[in-house]
């Protein structure tokens, strides 16, 4: 058991601390991964919201209120989708203009 824990600690140390990387990679390169993560969140929450949204003039607002009030954590999904769009564009712009 002690050898297994030592192996896991050594593996984490080698890949997170000593792993060789290019010297020109800095913190600004994280915005590419962050924009990809925002895109995945947008797709997942968008698919969830699509299941409950009714795109007619009579019942569009009612379907949004239904999602917000009657579905468990529907409010969280809607706000994650709304704020994720802004975060996605901010991350993409920072990623593009980092140089």
PDB file of N, CA and C in Angstrom:
ATOM      1  N   UNK A   1       0.820  -1.194   0.000  1.00  0.00           N
ATOM      2  CA  UNK A   1       0.000   0.000   0.000  1.00  0.00           C
ATOM      3  C   UNK A   1       0.862   1.254   0.000  1.00  0.00           C
ATOM      4  N   UNK A   2       1.955   1.198   0.745  1.00  0.00           N
ATOM      5  CA  UNK A   2       2.837   2.356   0.817  1.00  0.00           C
ATOM      6  C   UNK A   2       3.513   2.609  -0.536  1.00  0.00           C
ATOM      7  N   UNK A   3       3.848   1.546  -1.248  1.00  0.00           N
ATOM      8  CA  UNK A   3       4.474   1.703  -2.560  1.00  0.00           C
ATOM      9  C   UNK A   3       3.491   2.307  -3.565  1.00  0.00           C
ATOM     10  N   UNK A   4       2.217   1.926  -3.471  1.00  0.00           N
ATOM     11  CA  UNK A   4       1.205   2.464  -4.374  1.00  0.00           C
ATOM     12  C   UNK A   4       0.989   3.959  -4.125  1.00  0.00           C
ATOM     13  N   UNK A   5       0.925   4.367  -2.864  1.00  0.00           N
ATOM     14  CA  UNK A   5       0.741   5.786  -2.576  1.00  0.00           C
ATOM     15  C   UNK A   5       1.972   6.590  -3.002  1.00  0.00           C
ATOM     16  N   UNK A   6       3.162   6.047  -2.814  1.00  0.00           N
ATOM     17  CA  UNK A   6       4.373   6.723  -3.257  1.00  0.00           C
ATOM     18  C   UNK A   6       4.374   6.860  -4.774  1.00  0.00           C
ATOM     19  N   UNK A   7       3.920   5.833  -5.483  1.00  0.00           N
ATOM     20  CA  UNK A   7       3.857   5.876  -6.943  1.00  0.00           C
ATOM     21  C   UNK A   7       2.883   6.953  -7.422  1.00  0.00           C
ATOM     22  N   UNK A   8       1.739   7.063  -6.782  1.00  0.00           N
ATOM     23  CA  UNK A   8       0.740   8.055  -7.178  1.00  0.00           C
ATOM     24  C   UNK A   8       1.250   9.468  -6.910  1.00  0.00           C
ATOM     25  N   UNK A   9       1.873   9.673  -5.770  1.00  0.00           N
ATOM     26  CA  UNK A   9       2.423  10.988  -5.444  1.00  0.00           C
ATOM     27  C   UNK A   9       3.534  11.353  -6.420  1.00  0.00           C
ATOM     28  N   UNK A  10       4.386  10.405  -6.744  1.00  0.00           N
ATOM     29  CA  UNK A  10       5.473  10.662  -7.690  1.00  0.00           C
ATOM     30  C   UNK A  10       4.935  10.963  -9.087  1.00  0.00           C
ATOM     31  N   UNK A  11       3.887  10.262  -9.495  1.00  0.00           N
ATOM     32  CA  UNK A  11       3.263  10.486 -10.794  1.00  0.00           C
ATOM     33  C   UNK A  11       2.667  11.888 -10.877  1.00  0.00           C
ATOM     34  N   UNK A  12       1.967  12.309  -9.846  1.00  0.00           N
ATOM     35  CA  UNK A  12       1.386  13.652  -9.814  1.00  0.00           C
ATOM     36  C   UNK A  12       2.488  14.709  -9.816  1.00  0.00           C
ATOM     37  N   UNK A  13       3.530  14.485  -9.065  1.00  0.00           N
ATOM     38  CA  UNK A  13       4.651  15.426  -9.018  1.00  0.00           C
ATOM     39  C   UNK A  13       5.309  15.566 -10.386  1.00  0.00           C
ATOM     40  N   UNK A  14       5.531  14.439 -11.051  1.00  0.00           N
ATOM     41  CA  UNK A  14       6.199  14.479 -12.348  1.00  0.00           C
ATOM     42  C   UNK A  14       5.362  15.178 -13.418  1.00  0.00           C
ATOM     43  N   UNK A  15       4.047  15.002 -13.395  1.00  0.00           N
ATOM     44  CA  UNK A  15       3.216  15.563 -14.446  1.00  0.00           C
ATOM     45  C   UNK A  15       2.690  16.961 -14.156  1.00  0.00           C
ATOM     46  N   UNK A  16       2.657  17.366 -12.916  1.00  0.00           N
ATOM     47  CA  UNK A  16       2.163  18.700 -12.609  1.00  0.00           C
ATOM     48  C   UNK A  16       3.261  19.703 -12.269  1.00  0.00           C
ATOM     49  N   UNK A  17       4.400  19.230 -11.859  1.00  0.00           N
ATOM     50  CA  UNK A  17       5.435  20.153 -11.427  1.00  0.00           C
ATOM     51  C   UNK A  17       6.667  20.124 -12.325  1.00  0.00           C
ATOM     52  N   UNK A  18       7.123  18.955 -12.702  1.00  0.00           N
ATOM     53  CA  UNK A  18       8.378  18.824 -13.421  1.00  0.00           C
ATOM     54  C   UNK A  18       8.174  18.642 -14.926  1.00  0.00           C
ATOM     55  N   UNK A  19       6.936  18.538 -15.386  1.00  0.00           N
ATOM     56  CA  UNK A  19       6.654  18.260 -16.790  1.00  0.00           C
ATOM     57  C   UNK A  19       7.243  19.354 -17.680  1.00  0.00           C
ATOM     58  N   UNK A  20       8.026  18.986 -18.695  1.00  0.00           N
ATOM     59  CA  UNK A  20       8.670  20.004 -19.528  1.00  0.00           C
ATOM     60  C   UNK A  20       7.665  20.682 -20.467  1.00  0.00           C
ATOM     61  N   UNK A  21       7.681  21.984 -20.480  1.00  0.00           N
ATOM     62  CA  UNK A  21       6.833  22.761 -21.386  1.00  0.00           C
ATOM     63  C   UNK A  21       7.672  23.823 -22.074  1.00  0.00           C
ATOM     64  N   UNK A  22       7.110  24.400 -23.108  1.00  0.00           N
ATOM     65  CA  UNK A  22       7.811  25.458 -23.828  1.00  0.00           C
ATOM     66  C   UNK A  22       7.910  26.707 -22.956  1.00  0.00           C
ATOM     67  N   UNK A  23       8.994  27.441 -23.073  1.00  0.00           N
ATOM     68  CA  UNK A  23       9.153  28.621 -22.202  1.00  0.00           C
ATOM     69  C   UNK A  23       8.226  29.776 -22.555  1.00  0.00           C
ATOM     70  N   UNK A  24       7.643  29.789 -23.756  1.00  0.00           N
ATOM     71  CA  UNK A  24       6.791  30.915 -24.133  1.00  0.00           C
ATOM     72  C   UNK A  24       5.335  30.724 -23.719  1.00  0.00           C
ATOM     73  N   UNK A  25       4.987  29.615 -23.094  1.00  0.00           N
ATOM     74  CA  UNK A  25       3.625  29.396 -22.629  1.00  0.00           C
ATOM     75  C   UNK A  25       3.474  30.064 -21.261  1.00  0.00           C
ATOM     76  N   UNK A  26       2.483  30.944 -21.165  1.00  0.00           N
ATOM     77  CA  UNK A  26       2.241  31.653 -19.911  1.00  0.00           C
ATOM     78  C   UNK A  26       0.757  31.556 -19.562  1.00  0.00           C
ATOM     79  N   UNK A  27       0.317  32.367 -18.636  1.00  0.00           N
ATOM     80  CA  UNK A  27      -1.056  32.288 -18.129  1.00  0.00           C
ATOM     81  C   UNK A  27      -2.082  32.657 -19.184  1.00  0.00           C
ATOM     82  N   UNK A  28      -1.716  33.421 -20.185  1.00  0.00           N
ATOM     83  CA  UNK A  28      -2.671  33.865 -21.203  1.00  0.00           C
ATOM     84  C   UNK A  28      -3.137  32.709 -22.087  1.00  0.00           C
ATOM     85  N   UNK A  29      -2.393  31.625 -22.127  1.00  0.00           N
ATOM     86  CA  UNK A  29      -2.775  30.474 -22.940  1.00  0.00           C
ATOM     87  C   UNK A  29      -3.957  29.728 -22.330  1.00  0.00           C
ATOM     88  N   UNK A  30      -4.272  29.968 -21.081  1.00  0.00           N
ATOM     89  CA  UNK A  30      -5.409  29.306 -20.439  1.00  0.00           C
ATOM     90  C   UNK A  30      -6.749  29.754 -20.996  1.00  0.00           C
ATOM     91  N   UNK A  31      -6.796  30.905 -21.646  1.00  0.00           N
ATOM     92  CA  UNK A  31      -8.068  31.404 -22.149  1.00  0.00           C
ATOM     93  C   UNK A  31      -8.582  30.581 -23.327  1.00  0.00           C
ATOM     94  N   UNK A  32      -7.745  29.854 -24.017  1.00  0.00           N
ATOM     95  CA  UNK A  32      -8.206  28.943 -25.058  1.00  0.00           C
ATOM     96  C   UNK A  32      -8.988  27.787 -24.459  1.00  0.00           C
ATOM     97  N   UNK A  33      -8.479  27.213 -23.406  1.00  0.00           N
ATOM     98  CA  UNK A  33      -9.186  26.127 -22.725  1.00  0.00           C
ATOM     99  C   UNK A  33     -10.428  26.664 -22.036  1.00  0.00           C
ATOM    100  N   UNK A  34     -10.349  27.854 -21.474  1.00  0.00           N
ATOM    101  CA  UNK A  34     -11.506  28.453 -20.813  1.00  0.00           C
ATOM    102  C   UNK A  34     -12.631  28.734 -21.803  1.00  0.00           C
ATOM    103  N   UNK A  35     -12.289  29.185 -23.004  1.00  0.00           N
ATOM    104  CA  UNK A  35     -13.330  29.414 -24.007  1.00  0.00           C
ATOM    105  C   UNK A  35     -13.939  28.101 -24.468  1.00  0.00           C
ATOM    106  N   UNK A  36     -13.156  27.048 -24.563  1.00  0.00           N
ATOM    107  CA  UNK A  36     -13.710  25.736 -24.894  1.00  0.00           C
ATOM    108  C   UNK A  36     -14.632  25.212 -23.812  1.00  0.00           C
ATOM    109  N   UNK A  37     -14.271  25.439 -22.563  1.00  0.00           N
ATOM    110  CA  UNK A  37     -15.129  25.027 -21.450  1.00  0.00           C
ATOM    111  C   UNK A  37     -16.441  25.804 -21.449  1.00  0.00           C
ATOM    112  N   UNK A  38     -16.367  27.100 -21.723  1.00  0.00           N
ATOM    113  CA  UNK A  38     -17.592  27.903 -21.815  1.00  0.00           C
ATOM    114  C   UNK A  38     -18.476  27.420 -22.953  1.00  0.00           C
ATOM    115  N   UNK A  39     -17.878  27.020 -24.066  1.00  0.00           N
ATOM    116  CA  UNK A  39     -18.661  26.515 -25.191  1.00  0.00           C
ATOM    117  C   UNK A  39     -19.363  25.210 -24.830  1.00  0.00           C
ATOM    118  N   UNK A  40     -18.693  24.328 -24.136  1.00  0.00           N
ATOM    119  CA  UNK A  40     -19.320  23.069 -23.715  1.00  0.00           C
ATOM    120  C   UNK A  40     -20.474  23.341 -22.753  1.00  0.00           C
ATOM    121  N   UNK A  41     -20.295  24.277 -21.836  1.00  0.00           N
ATOM    122  CA  UNK A  41     -21.366  24.640 -20.906  1.00  0.00           C
ATOM    123  C   UNK A  41     -22.541  25.240 -21.660  1.00  0.00           C
ATOM    124  N   UNK A  42     -22.261  26.080 -22.654  1.00  0.00           N
ATOM    125  CA  UNK A  42     -23.332  26.669 -23.454  1.00  0.00           C
ATOM    126  C   UNK A  42     -24.127  25.603 -24.204  1.00  0.00           C
ATOM    127  N   UNK A  43     -23.446  24.633 -24.758  1.00  0.00           N
ATOM    128  CA  UNK A  43     -24.139  23.579 -25.500  1.00  0.00           C
ATOM    129  C   UNK A  43     -24.980  22.721 -24.562  1.00  0.00           C
ATOM    130  N   UNK A  44     -24.419  22.350 -23.423  1.00  0.00           N
ATOM    131  CA  UNK A  44     -25.152  21.492 -22.483  1.00  0.00           C
ATOM    132  C   UNK A  44     -26.374  22.205 -21.911  1.00  0.00           C
ATOM    133  N   UNK A  45     -26.218  23.442 -21.472  1.00  0.00           N
ATOM    134  CA  UNK A  45     -27.363  24.158 -20.915  1.00  0.00           C
ATOM    135  C   UNK A  45     -28.363  24.528 -21.999  1.00  0.00           C
ATOM    136  N   UNK A  46     -27.884  24.800 -23.194  1.00  0.00           N
ATOM    137  CA  UNK A  46     -28.787  25.110 -24.295  1.00  0.00           C
ATOM    138  C   UNK A  46     -29.658  23.927 -24.672  1.00  0.00           C
ATOM    139  N   UNK A  47     -29.072  22.740 -24.676  1.00  0.00           N
ATOM    140  CA  UNK A  47     -29.877  21.546 -24.958  1.00  0.00           C
ATOM    141  C   UNK A  47     -30.916  21.305 -23.879  1.00  0.00           C
ATOM    142  N   UNK A  48     -30.551  21.541 -22.633  1.00  0.00           N
ATOM    143  CA  UNK A  48     -31.506  21.382 -21.541  1.00  0.00           C
ATOM    144  C   UNK A  48     -32.638  22.398 -21.646  1.00  0.00           C
ATOM    145  N   UNK A  49     -32.298  23.645 -21.954  1.00  0.00           N
ATOM    146  CA  UNK A  49     -33.318  24.680 -22.060  1.00  0.00           C
ATOM    147  C   UNK A  49     -34.226  24.461 -23.269  1.00  0.00           C
ATOM    148  N   UNK A  50     -33.695  23.872 -24.316  1.00  0.00           N
ATOM    149  CA  UNK A  50     -34.490  23.597 -25.513  1.00  0.00           C
ATOM    150  C   UNK A  50     -35.609  22.604 -25.237  1.00  0.00           C
ATOM    151  N   UNK A  51     -35.405  21.719 -24.286  1.00  0.00           N
ATOM    152  CA  UNK A  51     -36.432  20.720 -23.986  1.00  0.00           C
ATOM    153  C   UNK A  51     -37.692  21.336 -23.397  1.00  0.00           C
ATOM    154  N   UNK A  52     -37.597  22.485 -22.759  1.00  0.00           N
ATOM    155  CA  UNK A  52     -38.735  23.070 -22.068  1.00  0.00           C
ATOM    156  C   UNK A  52     -39.244  24.368 -22.694  1.00  0.00           C
ATOM    157  N   UNK A  53     -38.506  24.955 -23.613  1.00  0.00           N
ATOM    158  CA  UNK A  53     -38.899  26.243 -24.180  1.00  0.00           C
ATOM    159  C   UNK A  53     -39.936  26.051 -25.286  1.00  0.00           C
ATOM    160  N   UNK A  54     -40.968  26.884 -25.283  1.00  0.00           N
ATOM    161  CA  UNK A  54     -42.015  26.860 -26.309  1.00  0.00           C
ATOM    162  C   UNK A  54     -41.917  28.173 -27.084  1.00  0.00           C
ATOM    163  N   UNK A  55     -41.482  28.153 -28.360  1.00  0.00           N
ATOM    164  CA  UNK A  55     -41.216  29.401 -29.087  1.00  0.00           C
ATOM    165  C   UNK A  55     -42.446  29.994 -29.788  1.00  0.00           C
ATOM    166  N   UNK A  56     -43.500  30.235 -29.063  1.00  0.00           N
ATOM    167  CA  UNK A  56     -44.663  30.924 -29.626  1.00  0.00           C
ATOM    168  C   UNK A  56     -44.868  32.225 -28.875  1.00  0.00           C
ATOM    169  N   UNK A  57     -45.567  33.148 -29.494  1.00  0.00           N
ATOM    170  CA  UNK A  57     -45.776  34.444 -28.861  1.00  0.00           C
ATOM    171  C   UNK A  57     -46.685  34.345 -27.643  1.00  0.00           C
ATOM    172  N   UNK A  58     -47.534  33.348 -27.618  1.00  0.00           N
ATOM    173  CA  UNK A  58     -48.461  33.219 -26.501  1.00  0.00           C
ATOM    174  C   UNK A  58     -47.842  32.569 -25.268  1.00  0.00           C
ATOM    175  N   UNK A  59     -46.953  31.623 -25.477  1.00  0.00           N
ATOM    176  CA  UNK A  59     -46.483  30.851 -24.325  1.00  0.00           C
ATOM    177  C   UNK A  59     -44.971  30.878 -24.111  1.00  0.00           C
ATOM    178  N   UNK A  60     -44.249  31.793 -24.735  1.00  0.00           N
ATOM    179  CA  UNK A  60     -42.799  31.859 -24.542  1.00  0.00           C
ATOM    180  C   UNK A  60     -42.447  32.267 -23.109  1.00  0.00           C
ATOM    181  N   UNK A  61     -43.097  33.310 -22.641  1.00  0.00           N
ATOM    182  CA  UNK A  61     -42.804  33.770 -21.276  1.00  0.00           C
ATOM    183  C   UNK A  61     -43.280  32.756 -20.236  1.00  0.00           C
ATOM    184  N   UNK A  62     -44.397  32.111 -20.512  1.00  0.00           N
ATOM    185  CA  UNK A  62     -44.889  31.088 -19.583  1.00  0.00           C
ATOM    186  C   UNK A  62     -43.937  29.903 -19.491  1.00  0.00           C
ATOM    187  N   UNK A  63     -43.318  29.526 -20.610  1.00  0.00           N
ATOM    188  CA  UNK A  63     -42.375  28.407 -20.563  1.00  0.00           C
ATOM    189  C   UNK A  63     -41.115  28.787 -19.792  1.00  0.00           C
ATOM    190  N   UNK A  64     -40.691  30.036 -19.889  1.00  0.00           N
ATOM    191  CA  UNK A  64     -39.520  30.487 -19.124  1.00  0.00           C
ATOM    192  C   UNK A  64     -39.843  30.512 -17.637  1.00  0.00           C
ATOM    193  N   UNK A  65     -41.022  31.006 -17.298  1.00  0.00           N
ATOM    194  CA  UNK A  65     -41.420  31.008 -15.888  1.00  0.00           C
ATOM    195  C   UNK A  65     -41.560  29.591 -15.348  1.00  0.00           C
ATOM    196  N   UNK A  66     -42.054  28.679 -16.181  1.00  0.00           N
ATOM    197  CA  UNK A  66     -42.171  27.284 -15.768  1.00  0.00           C
ATOM    198  C   UNK A  66     -40.791  26.696 -15.481  1.00  0.00           C
ATOM    199  N   UNK A  67     -39.835  26.980 -16.367  1.00  0.00           N
ATOM    200  CA  UNK A  67     -38.470  26.480 -16.151  1.00  0.00           C
ATOM    201  C   UNK A  67     -37.873  27.045 -14.870  1.00  0.00           C
ATOM    202  N   UNK A  68     -38.096  28.326 -14.637  1.00  0.00           N
ATOM    203  CA  UNK A  68     -37.479  28.979 -13.486  1.00  0.00           C
ATOM    204  C   UNK A  68     -38.086  28.515 -12.162  1.00  0.00           C
ATOM    205  N   UNK A  69     -39.380  28.218 -12.146  1.00  0.00           N
ATOM    206  CA  UNK A  69     -40.059  27.954 -10.879  1.00  0.00           C
ATOM    207  C   UNK A  69     -40.327  26.484 -10.604  1.00  0.00           C
ATOM    208  N   UNK A  70     -40.608  25.702 -11.614  1.00  0.00           N
ATOM    209  CA  UNK A  70     -41.090  24.339 -11.382  1.00  0.00           C
ATOM    210  C   UNK A  70     -40.070  23.236 -11.639  1.00  0.00           C
ATOM    211  N   UNK A  71     -39.025  23.516 -12.352  1.00  0.00           N
ATOM    212  CA  UNK A  71     -38.002  22.506 -12.641  1.00  0.00           C
ATOM    213  C   UNK A  71     -36.872  22.678 -11.632  1.00  0.00           C
ATOM    214  N   UNK A  72     -36.423  21.566 -11.081  1.00  0.00           N
ATOM    215  CA  UNK A  72     -35.340  21.630 -10.100  1.00  0.00           C
ATOM    216  C   UNK A  72     -34.081  22.213 -10.737  1.00  0.00           C
ATOM    217  N   UNK A  73     -33.568  23.254 -10.125  1.00  0.00           N
ATOM    218  CA  UNK A  73     -32.383  23.982 -10.572  1.00  0.00           C
ATOM    219  C   UNK A  73     -32.530  24.531 -11.986  1.00  0.00           C
ATOM    220  N   UNK A  74     -33.739  24.786 -12.433  1.00  0.00           N
ATOM    221  CA  UNK A  74     -33.960  25.405 -13.735  1.00  0.00           C
ATOM    222  C   UNK A  74     -33.438  26.825 -13.784  1.00  0.00           C
ATOM    223  N   UNK A  75     -33.575  27.524 -12.670  1.00  0.00           N
ATOM    224  CA  UNK A  75     -33.056  28.888 -12.588  1.00  0.00           C
ATOM    225  C   UNK A  75     -31.538  28.907 -12.747  1.00  0.00           C
ATOM    226  N   UNK A  76     -30.877  27.906 -12.175  1.00  0.00           N
ATOM    227  CA  UNK A  76     -29.422  27.834 -12.262  1.00  0.00           C
ATOM    228  C   UNK A  76     -28.973  27.555 -13.689  1.00  0.00           C
ATOM    229  N   UNK A  77     -29.679  26.671 -14.368  1.00  0.00           N
ATOM    230  CA  UNK A  77     -29.333  26.348 -15.753  1.00  0.00           C
ATOM    231  C   UNK A  77     -29.536  27.573 -16.643  1.00  0.00           C
ATOM    232  N   UNK A  78     -30.635  28.279 -16.438  1.00  0.00           N
ATOM    233  CA  UNK A  78     -30.906  29.469 -17.260  1.00  0.00           C
ATOM    234  C   UNK A  78     -29.869  30.550 -17.020  1.00  0.00           C
ATOM    235  N   UNK A  79     -29.526  30.812 -15.776  1.00  0.00           N
ATOM    236  CA  UNK A  79     -28.529  31.843 -15.491  1.00  0.00           C
ATOM    237  C   UNK A  79     -27.123  31.413 -15.927  1.00  0.00           C
ATOM    238  N   UNK A  80     -26.822  30.120 -15.840  1.00  0.00           N
ATOM    239  CA  UNK A  80     -25.528  29.640 -16.340  1.00  0.00           C
ATOM    240  C   UNK A  80     -25.445  29.826 -17.850  1.00  0.00           C
ATOM    241  N   UNK A  81     -26.546  29.614 -18.541  1.00  0.00           N
ATOM    242  CA  UNK A  81     -26.562  29.798 -19.987  1.00  0.00           C
ATOM    243  C   UNK A  81     -26.434  31.278 -20.352  1.00  0.00           C
ATOM    244  N   UNK A  82     -27.135  32.127 -19.636  1.00  0.00           N
ATOM    245  CA  UNK A  82     -27.097  33.561 -19.929  1.00  0.00           C
ATOM    246  C   UNK A  82     -25.726  34.166 -19.626  1.00  0.00           C
ATOM    247  N   UNK A  83     -25.167  33.848 -18.485  1.00  0.00           N
ATOM    248  CA  UNK A  83     -23.861  34.403 -18.120  1.00  0.00           C
ATOM    249  C   UNK A  83     -22.718  33.693 -18.830  1.00  0.00           C
ATOM    250  N   UNK A  84     -22.935  32.445 -19.216  1.00  0.00           N
ATOM    251  CA  UNK A  84     -21.912  31.714 -19.961  1.00  0.00           C
ATOM    252  C   UNK A  84     -21.659  32.306 -21.331  1.00  0.00           C
ATOM    253  N   UNK A  85     -22.700  32.906 -21.932  1.00  0.00           N
ATOM    254  CA  UNK A  85     -22.516  33.545 -23.231  1.00  0.00           C
ATOM    255  C   UNK A  85     -21.573  34.741 -23.125  1.00  0.00           C
ATOM    256  N   UNK A  86     -21.759  35.545 -22.104  1.00  0.00           N
ATOM    257  CA  UNK A  86     -20.865  36.690 -21.904  1.00  0.00           C
ATOM    258  C   UNK A  86     -19.450  36.229 -21.579  1.00  0.00           C
ATOM    259  N   UNK A  87     -19.344  35.216 -20.743  1.00  0.00           N
ATOM    260  CA  UNK A  87     -18.021  34.698 -20.389  1.00  0.00           C
ATOM    261  C   UNK A  87     -17.318  34.103 -21.602  1.00  0.00           C
ATOM    262  N   UNK A  88     -18.084  33.462 -22.477  1.00  0.00           N
ATOM    263  CA  UNK A  88     -17.499  32.875 -23.683  1.00  0.00           C
ATOM    264  C   UNK A  88     -16.892  33.958 -24.571  1.00  0.00           C
ATOM    265  N   UNK A  89     -17.621  35.038 -24.804  1.00  0.00           N
ATOM    266  CA  UNK A  89     -17.093  36.084 -25.671  1.00  0.00           C
ATOM    267  C   UNK A  89     -15.906  36.798 -25.040  1.00  0.00           C
ATOM    268  N   UNK A  90     -15.942  37.015 -23.751  1.00  0.00           N
ATOM    269  CA  UNK A  90     -14.796  37.636 -23.079  1.00  0.00           C
ATOM    270  C   UNK A  90     -13.562  36.753 -23.185  1.00  0.00           C
ATOM    271  N   UNK A  91     -13.742  35.447 -22.954  1.00  0.00           N
ATOM    272  CA  UNK A  91     -12.604  34.528 -23.032  1.00  0.00           C
ATOM    273  C   UNK A  91     -12.062  34.423 -24.452  1.00  0.00           C
ATOM    274  N   UNK A  92     -12.946  34.413 -25.447  1.00  0.00           N
ATOM    275  CA  UNK A  92     -12.498  34.329 -26.840  1.00  0.00           C
ATOM    276  C   UNK A  92     -11.754  35.592 -27.239  1.00  0.00           C
ATOM    277  N   UNK A  93     -12.264  36.763 -26.855  1.00  0.00           N
ATOM    278  CA  UNK A  93     -11.576  38.005 -27.211  1.00  0.00           C
ATOM    279  C   UNK A  93     -10.212  38.102 -26.530  1.00  0.00           C
ATOM    280  N   UNK A  94     -10.131  37.735 -25.284  1.00  0.00           N
ATOM    281  CA  UNK A  94      -8.823  37.752 -24.608  1.00  0.00           C
ATOM    282  C   UNK A  94      -7.880  36.742 -25.260  1.00  0.00           C
ATOM    283  N   UNK A  95      -8.407  35.592 -25.643  1.00  0.00           N
ATOM    284  CA  UNK A  95      -7.577  34.574 -26.289  1.00  0.00           C
ATOM    285  C   UNK A  95      -7.068  35.063 -27.650  1.00  0.00           C
ATOM    286  N   UNK A  96      -7.910  35.768 -28.394  1.00  0.00           N
ATOM    287  CA  UNK A  96      -7.487  36.257 -29.722  1.00  0.00           C
ATOM    288  C   UNK A  96      -6.480  37.397 -29.619  1.00  0.00           C
ATOM    289  N   UNK A  97      -6.686  38.284 -28.663  1.00  0.00           N
ATOM    290  CA  UNK A  97      -5.848  39.471 -28.580  1.00  0.00           C
ATOM    291  C   UNK A  97      -4.716  39.328 -27.580  1.00  0.00           C
ATOM    292  N   UNK A  98      -4.372  38.122 -27.200  1.00  0.00           N
ATOM    293  CA  UNK A  98      -3.300  37.960 -26.230  1.00  0.00           C
ATOM    294  C   UNK A  98      -1.941  38.338 -26.792  1.00  0.00           C
ATOM    295  N   UNK A  99      -1.812  38.291 -28.084  1.00  0.00           N
ATOM    296  CA  UNK A  99      -0.518  38.678 -28.666  1.00  0.00           C
ATOM    297  C   UNK A  99      -0.584  40.103 -29.141  1.00  0.00           C
TER     298      UNK A  99
END
